[in-house]
C-alpha atoms as a PDB file:
ATOM      1  CA  MET A   1     131.362 103.045 108.585  1.00  0.00           C
ATOM      2  CA  LEU A   2     133.281  99.765 108.347  1.00  0.00           C
ATOM      3  CA  ARG A   3     132.467  98.893 111.961  1.00  0.00           C
ATOM      4  CA  TYR A   4     128.787  99.659 111.350  1.00  0.00           C
ATOM      5  CA  PHE A   5     128.787  97.453 108.233  1.00  0.00           C
ATOM      6  CA  LEU A   6     130.507  94.550 109.999  1.00  0.00           C
ATOM      7  CA  ILE A   7     128.059  94.669 112.912  1.00  0.00           C
ATOM      8  CA  ARG A   8     125.059  94.707 110.577  1.00  0.00           C
ATOM      9  CA  LEU A   9     126.580  91.941 108.480  1.00  0.00           C
ATOM     10  CA  GLY A  10     127.121  89.784 111.576  1.00  0.00           C
ATOM     11  CA  GLN A  11     123.505  90.341 112.643  1.00  0.00           C
ATOM     12  CA  SER A  12     122.304  89.377 109.172  1.00  0.00           C
ATOM     13  CA  LEU A  13     124.381  86.183 109.154  1.00  0.00           C
ATOM     14  CA  ALA A  14     123.071  85.235 112.602  1.00  0.00           C
ATOM     15  CA  LEU A  15     119.509  85.826 111.416  1.00  0.00           C
ATOM     16  CA  MET A  16     120.161  83.730 108.312  1.00  0.00           C
ATOM     17  CA  PHE A  17     121.428  80.890 110.490  1.00  0.00           C
ATOM     18  CA  GLY A  18     118.221  81.118 112.515  1.00  0.00           C
ATOM     19  CA  VAL A  19     116.163  80.896 109.325  1.00  0.00           C
ATOM     20  CA  LEU A  20     118.042  77.789 108.201  1.00  0.00           C
ATOM     21  CA  LEU A  21     117.536  76.172 111.601  1.00  0.00           C
ATOM     22  CA  LEU A  22     113.834  77.030 111.629  1.00  0.00           C
ATOM     23  CA  VAL A  23     113.226  75.693 108.111  1.00  0.00           C
ATOM     24  CA  PHE A  24     115.147  72.521 108.915  1.00  0.00           C
ATOM     25  CA  MET A  25     113.236  71.864 112.140  1.00  0.00           C
ATOM     26  CA  MET A  26     109.752  72.663 110.839  1.00  0.00           C
ATOM     27  CA  LEU A  27     109.845  69.672 108.505  1.00  0.00           C
ATOM     28  CA  ARG A  28     110.831  67.372 111.348  1.00  0.00           C
ATOM     29  CA  VAL A  29     108.768  68.571 114.320  1.00  0.00           C
ATOM     30  CA  THR A  30     105.521  67.705 112.520  1.00  0.00           C
ATOM     31  CA  GLY A  31     106.366  64.002 112.373  1.00  0.00           C
ATOM     32  CA  ASP A  32     108.189  61.636 110.076  1.00  0.00           C
ATOM     33  CA  PRO A  33     109.342  63.715 107.072  1.00  0.00           C
ATOM     34  CA  ALA A  34     109.377  60.643 104.847  1.00  0.00           C
ATOM     35  CA  ALA A  35     105.703  59.966 105.595  1.00  0.00           C
ATOM     36  CA  LEU A  36     104.878  63.630 104.970  1.00  0.00           C
ATOM     37  CA  MET A  37     106.548  63.765 101.578  1.00  0.00           C
ATOM     38  CA  LEU A  38     105.202  60.487 100.165  1.00  0.00           C
ATOM     39  CA  PRO A  39     101.570  59.872  99.154  1.00  0.00           C
ATOM     40  CA  ARG A  40      99.284  58.468 101.823  1.00  0.00           C
ATOM     41  CA  GLU A  41      98.924  55.209  99.966  1.00  0.00           C
ATOM     42  CA  ALA A  42     102.693  54.558 100.128  1.00  0.00           C
ATOM     43  CA  SER A  43     103.578  51.265 101.802  1.00  0.00           C
ATOM     44  CA  ALA A  44     105.812  50.913 104.838  1.00  0.00           C
ATOM     45  CA  ALA A  45     108.586  49.483 102.663  1.00  0.00           C
ATOM     46  CA  GLU A  46     108.408  52.469 100.295  1.00  0.00           C
ATOM     47  CA  ILE A  47     108.532  54.886 103.217  1.00  0.00           C
ATOM     48  CA  GLU A  48     111.532  53.127 104.696  1.00  0.00           C
ATOM     49  CA  ALA A  49     113.356  53.095 101.353  1.00  0.00           C
ATOM     50  CA  PHE A  50     112.636  56.798 100.874  1.00  0.00           C
ATOM     51  CA  ARG A  51     113.806  57.547 104.420  1.00  0.00           C
ATOM     52  CA  GLU A  52     117.049  55.712 103.706  1.00  0.00           C
ATOM     53  CA  ARG A  53     117.566  57.515 100.384  1.00  0.00           C
ATOM     54  CA  MET A  54     116.950  60.965 101.865  1.00  0.00           C
ATOM     55  CA  GLY A  55     119.050  60.281 104.970  1.00  0.00           C
ATOM     56  CA  PHE A  56     116.230  60.843 107.461  1.00  0.00           C
ATOM     57  CA  ASN A  57     117.347  57.818 109.492  1.00  0.00           C
ATOM     58  CA  ARG A  58     120.634  59.487 110.459  1.00  0.00           C
ATOM     59  CA  PRO A  59     121.108  61.420 113.742  1.00  0.00           C
ATOM     60  CA  ILE A  60     119.453  64.831 113.690  1.00  0.00           C
ATOM     61  CA  ILE A  61     122.744  66.680 114.195  1.00  0.00           C
ATOM     62  CA  VAL A  62     124.301  64.893 111.236  1.00  0.00           C
ATOM     63  CA  GLN A  63     121.276  65.767 109.112  1.00  0.00           C
ATOM     64  CA  PHE A  64     121.491  69.436 110.090  1.00  0.00           C
ATOM     65  CA  VAL A  65     125.216  69.706 109.373  1.00  0.00           C
ATOM     66  CA  ASP A  66     124.658  68.085 105.981  1.00  0.00           C
ATOM     67  CA  PHE A  67     121.693  70.391 105.293  1.00  0.00           C
ATOM     68  CA  LEU A  68     123.692  73.460 106.328  1.00  0.00           C
ATOM     69  CA  SER A  69     126.748  72.550 104.238  1.00  0.00           C
ATOM     70  CA  LYS A  70     124.590  72.080 101.141  1.00  0.00           C
ATOM     71  CA  ALA A  71     122.445  75.156 101.779  1.00  0.00           C
ATOM     72  CA  VAL A  72     125.533  77.371 101.805  1.00  0.00           C
ATOM     73  CA  VAL A  73     126.182  76.456  98.160  1.00  0.00           C
ATOM     74  CA  GLY A  74     122.500  76.562  97.192  1.00  0.00           C
ATOM     75  CA  ASP A  75     121.933  72.799  97.085  1.00  0.00           C
ATOM     76  CA  PHE A  76     118.500  71.887  98.474  1.00  0.00           C
ATOM     77  CA  GLY A  77     118.141  68.592  96.694  1.00  0.00           C
ATOM     78  CA  GLU A  78     115.820  67.615  93.878  1.00  0.00           C
ATOM     79  CA  SER A  79     112.208  68.590  93.578  1.00  0.00           C
ATOM     80  CA  LEU A  80     110.075  65.518  94.262  1.00  0.00           C
ATOM     81  CA  HIS A  81     107.584  66.539  91.579  1.00  0.00           C
ATOM     82  CA  PHE A  82     109.798  67.932  88.795  1.00  0.00           C
ATOM     83  CA  ARG A  83     112.854  65.693  89.408  1.00  0.00           C
ATOM     84  CA  THR A  84     114.988  68.797  88.918  1.00  0.00           C
ATOM     85  CA  PRO A  85     117.293  70.621  91.368  1.00  0.00           C
ATOM     86  CA  ALA A  86     115.015  72.775  93.513  1.00  0.00           C
ATOM     87  CA  MET A  87     117.145  75.910  93.300  1.00  0.00           C
ATOM     88  CA  THR A  88     117.134  75.690  89.493  1.00  0.00           C
ATOM     89  CA  LEU A  89     113.343  75.887  89.520  1.00  0.00           C
ATOM     90  CA  VAL A  90     113.463  78.868  91.884  1.00  0.00           C
ATOM     91  CA  THR A  91     115.909  80.818  89.721  1.00  0.00           C
ATOM     92  CA  GLN A  92     113.810  80.078  86.634  1.00  0.00           C
ATOM     93  CA  ARG A  93     110.760  81.650  88.300  1.00  0.00           C
ATOM     94  CA  LEU A  94     112.693  84.542  89.857  1.00  0.00           C
ATOM     95  CA  PRO A  95     112.622  86.961  86.861  1.00  0.00           C
ATOM     96  CA  ALA A  96     108.805  86.903  86.715  1.00  0.00           C
ATOM     97  CA  THR A  97     108.499  87.627  90.439  1.00  0.00           C
ATOM     98  CA  VAL A  98     111.105  90.403  90.300  1.00  0.00           C
ATOM     99  CA  GLU A  99     109.297  91.974  87.339  1.00  0.00           C
ATOM    100  CA  LEU A 100     105.986  91.912  89.176  1.00  0.00           C
ATOM    101  CA  ALA A 101     107.388  93.194  92.487  1.00  0.00           C
ATOM    102  CA  ALA A 102     109.543  95.907  90.873  1.00  0.00           C
ATOM    103  CA  THR A 103     106.638  97.183  88.772  1.00  0.00           C
ATOM    104  CA  GLY A 104     104.334  97.230  91.775  1.00  0.00           C
ATOM    105  CA  LEU A 105     106.939  99.032  93.879  1.00  0.00           C
ATOM    106  CA  LEU A 106     107.619 101.564  91.115  1.00  0.00           C
ATOM    107  CA  PHE A 107     103.912 102.345  90.934  1.00  0.00           C
ATOM    108  CA  ALA A 108     103.724 102.695  94.726  1.00  0.00           C
ATOM    109  CA  VAL A 109     106.694 105.068  94.913  1.00  0.00           C
ATOM    110  CA  LEU A 110     105.815 107.231  91.907  1.00  0.00           C
ATOM    111  CA  ILE A 111     102.263 107.744  93.184  1.00  0.00           C
ATOM    112  CA  GLY A 112     102.776 107.567  96.930  1.00  0.00           C
ATOM    113  CA  VAL A 113     105.688 109.960  97.466  1.00  0.00           C
ATOM    114  CA  PRO A 114     104.387 112.976  95.465  1.00  0.00           C
ATOM    115  CA  ILE A 115     100.827 112.687  96.791  1.00  0.00           C
ATOM    116  CA  GLY A 116     102.008 112.154 100.359  1.00  0.00           C
ATOM    117  CA  MET A 117     104.332 115.135 100.085  1.00  0.00           C
ATOM    118  CA  MET A 118     101.610 117.394  98.685  1.00  0.00           C
ATOM    119  CA  GLY A 119      99.290 116.355 101.483  1.00  0.00           C
ATOM    120  CA  GLY A 120     101.941 117.031 104.115  1.00  0.00           C
ATOM    121  CA  LEU A 121     102.901 120.428 102.690  1.00  0.00           C
ATOM    122  CA  LYS A 122      99.286 121.645 102.491  1.00  0.00           C
ATOM    123  CA  PRO A 123      97.299 120.092 105.366  1.00  0.00           C
ATOM    124  CA  GLY A 124      93.558 120.509 105.023  1.00  0.00           C
ATOM    125  CA  SER A 125      93.707 121.092 101.270  1.00  0.00           C
ATOM    126  CA  ALA A 126      92.206 119.008  98.477  1.00  0.00           C
ATOM    127  CA  ALA A 127      95.605 117.361  97.972  1.00  0.00           C
ATOM    128  CA  ASP A 128      95.674 116.401 101.647  1.00  0.00           C
ATOM    129  CA  SER A 129      92.182 114.920 101.435  1.00  0.00           C
ATOM    130  CA  LEU A 130      93.259 112.894  98.392  1.00  0.00           C
ATOM    131  CA  ALA A 131      96.357 111.683 100.225  1.00  0.00           C
ATOM    132  CA  ARG A 132      94.377 110.536 103.239  1.00  0.00           C
ATOM    133  CA  LEU A 133      91.803 108.840 101.000  1.00  0.00           C
ATOM    134  CA  LEU A 134      94.470 106.938  99.038  1.00  0.00           C
ATOM    135  CA  ALA A 135      96.243 105.925 102.242  1.00  0.00           C
ATOM    136  CA  LEU A 136      92.975 104.603 103.659  1.00  0.00           C
ATOM    137  CA  MET A 137      91.997 102.780 100.474  1.00  0.00           C
ATOM    138  CA  GLY A 138      95.438 101.286  99.955  1.00  0.00           C
ATOM    139  CA  GLN A 139      95.601  99.764 103.408  1.00  0.00           C
ATOM    140  CA  SER A 140      91.971  98.665 103.755  1.00  0.00           C
ATOM    141  CA  ILE A 141      90.905  97.176 100.389  1.00  0.00           C
ATOM    142  CA  PRO A 142      91.437  93.373 100.346  1.00  0.00           C
ATOM    143  CA  ASN A 143      93.885  92.501  97.585  1.00  0.00           C
ATOM    144  CA  PHE A 144      92.195  89.281  96.520  1.00  0.00           C
ATOM    145  CA  TRP A 145      88.820  91.036  96.186  1.00  0.00           C
ATOM    146  CA  LEU A 146      90.339  93.887  94.185  1.00  0.00           C
ATOM    147  CA  ALA A 147      92.162  91.402  91.931  1.00  0.00           C
ATOM    148  CA  MET A 148      88.974  89.558  91.035  1.00  0.00           C
ATOM    149  CA  LEU A 149      87.091  92.828  90.536  1.00  0.00           C
ATOM    150  CA  MET A 150      89.758  94.129  88.152  1.00  0.00           C
ATOM    151  CA  ILE A 151      89.776  90.868  86.200  1.00  0.00           C
ATOM    152  CA  LEU A 152      86.009  91.039  85.812  1.00  0.00           C
ATOM    153  CA  PHE A 153      85.865  94.713  84.817  1.00  0.00           C
ATOM    154  CA  PHE A 154      89.127  95.526  82.993  1.00  0.00           C
ATOM    155  CA  GLY A 155      89.859  92.040  81.678  1.00  0.00           C
ATOM    156  CA  VAL A 156      86.514  90.430  80.851  1.00  0.00           C
ATOM    157  CA  GLN A 157      84.207  93.378  80.143  1.00  0.00           C
ATOM    158  CA  LEU A 158      86.514  96.072  78.761  1.00  0.00           C
ATOM    159  CA  ARG A 159      89.222  93.673  77.514  1.00  0.00           C
ATOM    160  CA  TRP A 160      91.954  96.220  78.218  1.00  0.00           C
ATOM    161  CA  PHE A 161      94.371  93.838  79.899  1.00  0.00           C
ATOM    162  CA  PRO A 162      95.019  90.071  79.838  1.00  0.00           C
ATOM    163  CA  THR A 163      93.356  88.268  82.714  1.00  0.00           C
ATOM    164  CA  PHE A 164      96.121  85.741  83.320  1.00  0.00           C
ATOM    165  CA  GLY A 165      99.652  84.769  82.391  1.00  0.00           C
ATOM    166  CA  ARG A 166     102.821  86.697  81.572  1.00  0.00           C
ATOM    167  CA  GLY A 167     103.131  87.928  78.034  1.00  0.00           C
ATOM    168  CA  ALA A 168     102.961  91.427  76.573  1.00  0.00           C
ATOM    169  CA  TRP A 169     103.814  94.520  78.592  1.00  0.00           C
ATOM    170  CA  ASN A 170     100.182  95.064  79.620  1.00  0.00           C
ATOM    171  CA  SER A 171      99.948  91.649  81.287  1.00  0.00           C
ATOM    172  CA  VAL A 172     101.779  93.011  84.346  1.00  0.00           C
ATOM    173  CA  VAL A 173      99.557  96.074  84.835  1.00  0.00           C
ATOM    174  CA  MET A 174      96.738  94.549  86.874  1.00  0.00           C
ATOM    175  CA  PRO A 175      98.773  92.212  89.128  1.00  0.00           C
ATOM    176  CA  ALA A 176     101.360  94.963  89.761  1.00  0.00           C
ATOM    177  CA  PHE A 177      98.648  97.471  90.657  1.00  0.00           C
ATOM    178  CA  VAL A 178      96.983  95.053  93.071  1.00  0.00           C
ATOM    179  CA  LEU A 179     100.324  94.088  94.634  1.00  0.00           C
ATOM    180  CA  GLY A 180     101.551  97.675  94.926  1.00  0.00           C
ATOM    181  CA  LEU A 181      98.354  99.299  96.218  1.00  0.00           C
ATOM    182  CA  PRO A 182      98.905  98.489  99.939  1.00  0.00           C
ATOM    183  CA  VAL A 183     102.522  99.670  99.690  1.00  0.00           C
ATOM    184  CA  MET A 184     101.362 102.860  97.983  1.00  0.00           C
ATOM    185  CA  GLY A 185      98.924 103.511 100.824  1.00  0.00           C
ATOM    186  CA  GLN A 186     101.645 102.991 103.403  1.00  0.00           C
ATOM    187  CA  ILE A 187     104.072 105.284 101.564  1.00  0.00           C
ATOM    188  CA  VAL A 188     101.419 108.023 101.241  1.00  0.00           C
ATOM    189  CA  ARG A 189     100.600 107.853 104.945  1.00  0.00           C
ATOM    190  CA  LEU A 190     104.241 107.780 106.049  1.00  0.00           C
ATOM    191  CA  THR A 191     105.347 110.540 103.650  1.00  0.00           C
ATOM    192  CA  ARG A 192     102.485 112.802 104.676  1.00  0.00           C
ATOM    193  CA  SER A 193     103.079 112.383 108.413  1.00  0.00           C
ATOM    194  CA  THR A 194     106.848 112.828 108.055  1.00  0.00           C
ATOM    195  CA  VAL A 195     106.529 115.962 105.929  1.00  0.00           C
ATOM    196  CA  LEU A 196     103.992 117.389 108.364  1.00  0.00           C
ATOM    197  CA  GLU A 197     106.537 116.970 111.142  1.00  0.00           C
ATOM    198  CA  ILE A 198     109.540 118.282 109.211  1.00  0.00           C
ATOM    199  CA  ARG A 199     107.866 121.376 107.695  1.00  0.00           C
ATOM    200  CA  SER A 200     107.614 122.967 111.146  1.00  0.00           C
ATOM    201  CA  GLU A 201     111.294 122.465 112.017  1.00  0.00           C
ATOM    202  CA  ASP A 202     113.565 125.449 112.601  1.00  0.00           C
ATOM    203  CA  PHE A 203     115.845 124.713 109.638  1.00  0.00           C
ATOM    204  CA  VAL A 204     112.856 124.825 107.255  1.00  0.00           C
ATOM    205  CA  ARG A 205     111.728 128.214 108.622  1.00  0.00           C
ATOM    206  CA  THR A 206     115.313 129.418 108.279  1.00  0.00           C
ATOM    207  CA  ALA A 207     115.371 128.313 104.644  1.00  0.00           C
ATOM    208  CA  TYR A 208     112.192 130.308 103.972  1.00  0.00           C
ATOM    209  CA  SER A 209     113.610 133.348 105.750  1.00  0.00           C
ATOM    210  CA  LYS A 210     116.742 133.210 103.592  1.00  0.00           C
ATOM    211  CA  GLY A 211     114.567 133.583 100.518  1.00  0.00           C
ATOM    212  CA  LEU A 212     115.070 130.141  99.009  1.00  0.00           C
ATOM    213  CA  GLU A 213     112.597 129.080  96.357  1.00  0.00           C
ATOM    214  CA  PRO A 214     109.875 126.687  97.586  1.00  0.00           C
ATOM    215  CA  PRO A 215     110.885 123.860  95.164  1.00  0.00           C
ATOM    216  CA  VAL A 216     114.434 123.999  96.550  1.00  0.00           C
ATOM    217  CA  ILE A 217     113.133 123.841 100.115  1.00  0.00           C
ATOM    218  CA  TYR A 218     110.771 120.973  99.291  1.00  0.00           C
ATOM    219  CA  LEU A 219     113.425 118.840  97.600  1.00  0.00           C
ATOM    220  CA  LYS A 220     116.643 119.726  99.394  1.00  0.00           C
ATOM    221  CA  HIS A 221     115.432 120.250 102.948  1.00  0.00           C
ATOM    222  CA  ILE A 222     112.077 118.508 103.427  1.00  0.00           C
ATOM    223  CA  LEU A 223     112.172 115.521 101.086  1.00  0.00           C
ATOM    224  CA  ARG A 224     115.795 114.711 101.887  1.00  0.00           C
ATOM    225  CA  ASN A 225     115.068 114.529 105.619  1.00  0.00           C
ATOM    226  CA  ALA A 226     111.858 112.586 104.998  1.00  0.00           C
ATOM    227  CA  SER A 227     113.659 110.039 102.812  1.00  0.00           C
ATOM    228  CA  ILE A 228     115.021 107.896 105.668  1.00  0.00           C
ATOM    229  CA  PRO A 229     111.671 106.420 106.831  1.00  0.00           C
ATOM    230  CA  ILE A 230     110.525 106.228 103.204  1.00  0.00           C
ATOM    231  CA  ILE A 231     113.613 104.222 102.246  1.00  0.00           C
ATOM    232  CA  SER A 232     112.909 101.945 105.203  1.00  0.00           C
ATOM    233  CA  VAL A 233     109.429 101.179 103.912  1.00  0.00           C
ATOM    234  CA  ILE A 234     110.637 100.710 100.338  1.00  0.00           C
ATOM    235  CA  GLY A 235     113.423  98.310 101.309  1.00  0.00           C
ATOM    236  CA  VAL A 236     111.290  96.199 103.636  1.00  0.00           C
ATOM    237  CA  GLN A 237     108.211  96.150 101.418  1.00  0.00           C
ATOM    238  CA  PHE A 238     110.147  95.132  98.312  1.00  0.00           C
ATOM    239  CA  GLY A 239     111.352  92.043 100.146  1.00  0.00           C
ATOM    240  CA  TYR A 240     107.827  91.263 101.299  1.00  0.00           C
ATOM    241  CA  MET A 241     106.497  91.800  97.781  1.00  0.00           C
ATOM    242  CA  LEU A 242     109.001  89.268  96.443  1.00  0.00           C
ATOM    243  CA  GLY A 243     107.979  86.655  98.996  1.00  0.00           C
ATOM    244  CA  GLY A 244     104.394  87.560  99.756  1.00  0.00           C
ATOM    245  CA  SER A 245     102.770  87.599  96.331  1.00  0.00           C
ATOM    246  CA  ILE A 246     101.488  84.002  96.503  1.00  0.00           C
ATOM    247  CA  TYR A 247      97.790  84.689  96.138  1.00  0.00           C
ATOM    248  CA  ILE A 248      98.298  87.509  93.610  1.00  0.00           C
ATOM    249  CA  GLU A 249     100.384  85.253  91.371  1.00  0.00           C
ATOM    250  CA  THR A 250      97.859  82.452  91.848  1.00  0.00           C
ATOM    251  CA  ILE A 251      94.852  84.620  90.943  1.00  0.00           C
ATOM    252  CA  PHE A 252      96.521  86.044  87.828  1.00  0.00           C
ATOM    253  CA  ALA A 253      98.337  82.770  86.957  1.00  0.00           C
ATOM    254  CA  TRP A 254     101.595  84.716  87.040  1.00  0.00           C
ATOM    255  CA  PRO A 255     104.476  82.229  86.615  1.00  0.00           C
ATOM    256  CA  GLY A 256     106.591  83.411  89.547  1.00  0.00           C
ATOM    257  CA  MET A 257     107.927  82.038  92.812  1.00  0.00           C
ATOM    258  CA  GLY A 258     104.649  82.656  94.638  1.00  0.00           C
ATOM    259  CA  GLN A 259     102.698  80.438  92.278  1.00  0.00           C
ATOM    260  CA  LEU A 260     105.464  77.840  92.426  1.00  0.00           C
ATOM    261  CA  LEU A 261     105.322  77.848  96.229  1.00  0.00           C
ATOM    262  CA  GLN A 262     101.570  77.345  96.193  1.00  0.00           C
ATOM    263  CA  LEU A 263     101.956  74.377  93.850  1.00  0.00           C
ATOM    264  CA  ALA A 264     104.834  72.929  95.868  1.00  0.00           C
ATOM    265  CA  ILE A 265     102.789  73.026  99.069  1.00  0.00           C
ATOM    266  CA  GLY A 266      99.907  71.290  97.335  1.00  0.00           C
ATOM    267  CA  TRP A 267     102.249  68.612  95.984  1.00  0.00           C
ATOM    268  CA  ARG A 268     103.992  68.272  99.377  1.00  0.00           C
ATOM    269  CA  ASP A 269     107.249  68.938  97.556  1.00  0.00           C
ATOM    270  CA  PHE A 270     109.180  69.906 100.696  1.00  0.00           C
ATOM    271  CA  PRO A 271     112.647  70.268  99.108  1.00  0.00           C
ATOM    272  CA  LEU A 272     111.162  72.854  96.755  1.00  0.00           C
ATOM    273  CA  VAL A 273     109.297  74.567  99.603  1.00  0.00           C
ATOM    274  CA  GLN A 274     112.525  74.758 101.598  1.00  0.00           C
ATOM    275  CA  ALA A 275     114.431  76.215  98.648  1.00  0.00           C
ATOM    276  CA  ILE A 276     111.816  78.922  98.052  1.00  0.00           C
ATOM    277  CA  ALA A 277     111.531  79.788 101.753  1.00  0.00           C
ATOM    278  CA  ILE A 278     115.276  80.084 102.288  1.00  0.00           C
ATOM    279  CA  PHE A 279     115.892  81.947  99.039  1.00  0.00           C
ATOM    280  CA  THR A 280     113.142  84.465  99.849  1.00  0.00           C
ATOM    281  CA  SER A 281     114.441  84.909 103.388  1.00  0.00           C
ATOM    282  CA  THR A 282     117.949  85.516 102.063  1.00  0.00           C
ATOM    283  CA  VAL A 283     116.666  88.204  99.701  1.00  0.00           C
ATOM    284  CA  VAL A 284     114.697  89.916 102.487  1.00  0.00           C
ATOM    285  CA  ILE A 285     117.688  89.883 104.849  1.00  0.00           C
ATOM    286  CA  ALA A 286     119.987  91.191 102.115  1.00  0.00           C
ATOM    287  CA  LEU A 287     117.554  94.016 101.308  1.00  0.00           C
ATOM    288  CA  ASN A 288     117.351  94.946 104.995  1.00  0.00           C
ATOM    289  CA  LEU A 289     121.147  95.045 105.178  1.00  0.00           C
ATOM    290  CA  LEU A 290     121.278  97.221 102.071  1.00  0.00           C
ATOM    291  CA  THR A 291     118.643  99.524 103.577  1.00  0.00           C
ATOM    292  CA  ASP A 292     120.725  99.907 106.753  1.00  0.00           C
ATOM    293  CA  LEU A 293     123.759 100.854 104.671  1.00  0.00           C
ATOM    294  CA  VAL A 294     121.758 103.448 102.743  1.00  0.00           C
ATOM    295  CA  TYR A 295     120.611 104.845 106.115  1.00  0.00           C
ATOM    296  CA  ALA A 296     124.206 105.306 107.179  1.00  0.00           C
ATOM    297  CA  ILE A 297     125.131 107.022 103.916  1.00  0.00           C
ATOM    298  CA  ILE A 298     122.196 109.453 103.985  1.00  0.00           C
ATOM    299  CA  ASP A 299     122.379 110.215 107.714  1.00  0.00           C
ATOM    300  CA  PRO A 300     125.861 109.668 109.239  1.00  0.00           C
ATOM    301  CA  ARG A 301     124.399 110.119 112.742  1.00  0.00           C
ATOM    302  CA  ILE A 302     122.967 106.583 112.518  1.00  0.00           C
ATOM    303  CA  ARG A 303     126.403 104.981 112.565  1.00  0.00           C
ATOM    304  CA  TYR A 304     127.842 107.107 115.371  1.00  0.00           C
ATOM    305  CA  GLY A 305     126.690 104.693 118.072  1.00  0.00           C
ATOM    306  CA  PHE A 306     128.676 101.798 116.578  1.00  0.00           C
END
């Protein structure tokens, strides 16, 4: 287990180094970073002074080493717009994004797993038809269209939920539903297909022949063996939900990292964009590492090849 963990940890650190290198280079391959960050009406003297202050006139290797040494401790400089450390702004917006992503994921799991399991256990039934319908709807309905439709119907006409902002408990219902719907569809489809495959295995038939109660077979034998791909989807999708909710947060004016990233891009606040990109990438890589460790705990066969 320790060898497996160390190998996965080394792969994660190498991937994180690649992310840092990519983020560092993307600002510089497009041209002069000083000219990109300053307004178009900035004079040549202002650009040169800014380049000197930010250290863009130093050799590229020196800049990267300095960037790397500061990134390790979470220092990405000051936001050009807010005049505040960029990472401070990210951590201030983090709770709102985590709340939105966690609520959306909870909805996806609580709906997706039971319906997908019912569809897989009884193929051709009404439950199976419902599972296939939800899987199709979840992965085909455009999120931005659904968000605007829900605002118009549930927010404006029925006035059940707030249409924007983060306030009372019901303010998270609509954005979390819209964010979690595609994940729910994926979980339903994956759970159904996995259960369909597992229910015909020899060990399941043996469990029936031994006289075990169906709920015991469903939970202990079928769901447990189906949990590995489901955990994979949950771990990966939670990371994507944390970093990929830009347009959902923008539509609902949700004060999270996605909305902050959209504003930072519009303001050409590249230190803030870098901080958000690297922080989100770190969270996604950490969640993937945690998912791999859960794999190894649930199914020890995964770590035998290491």
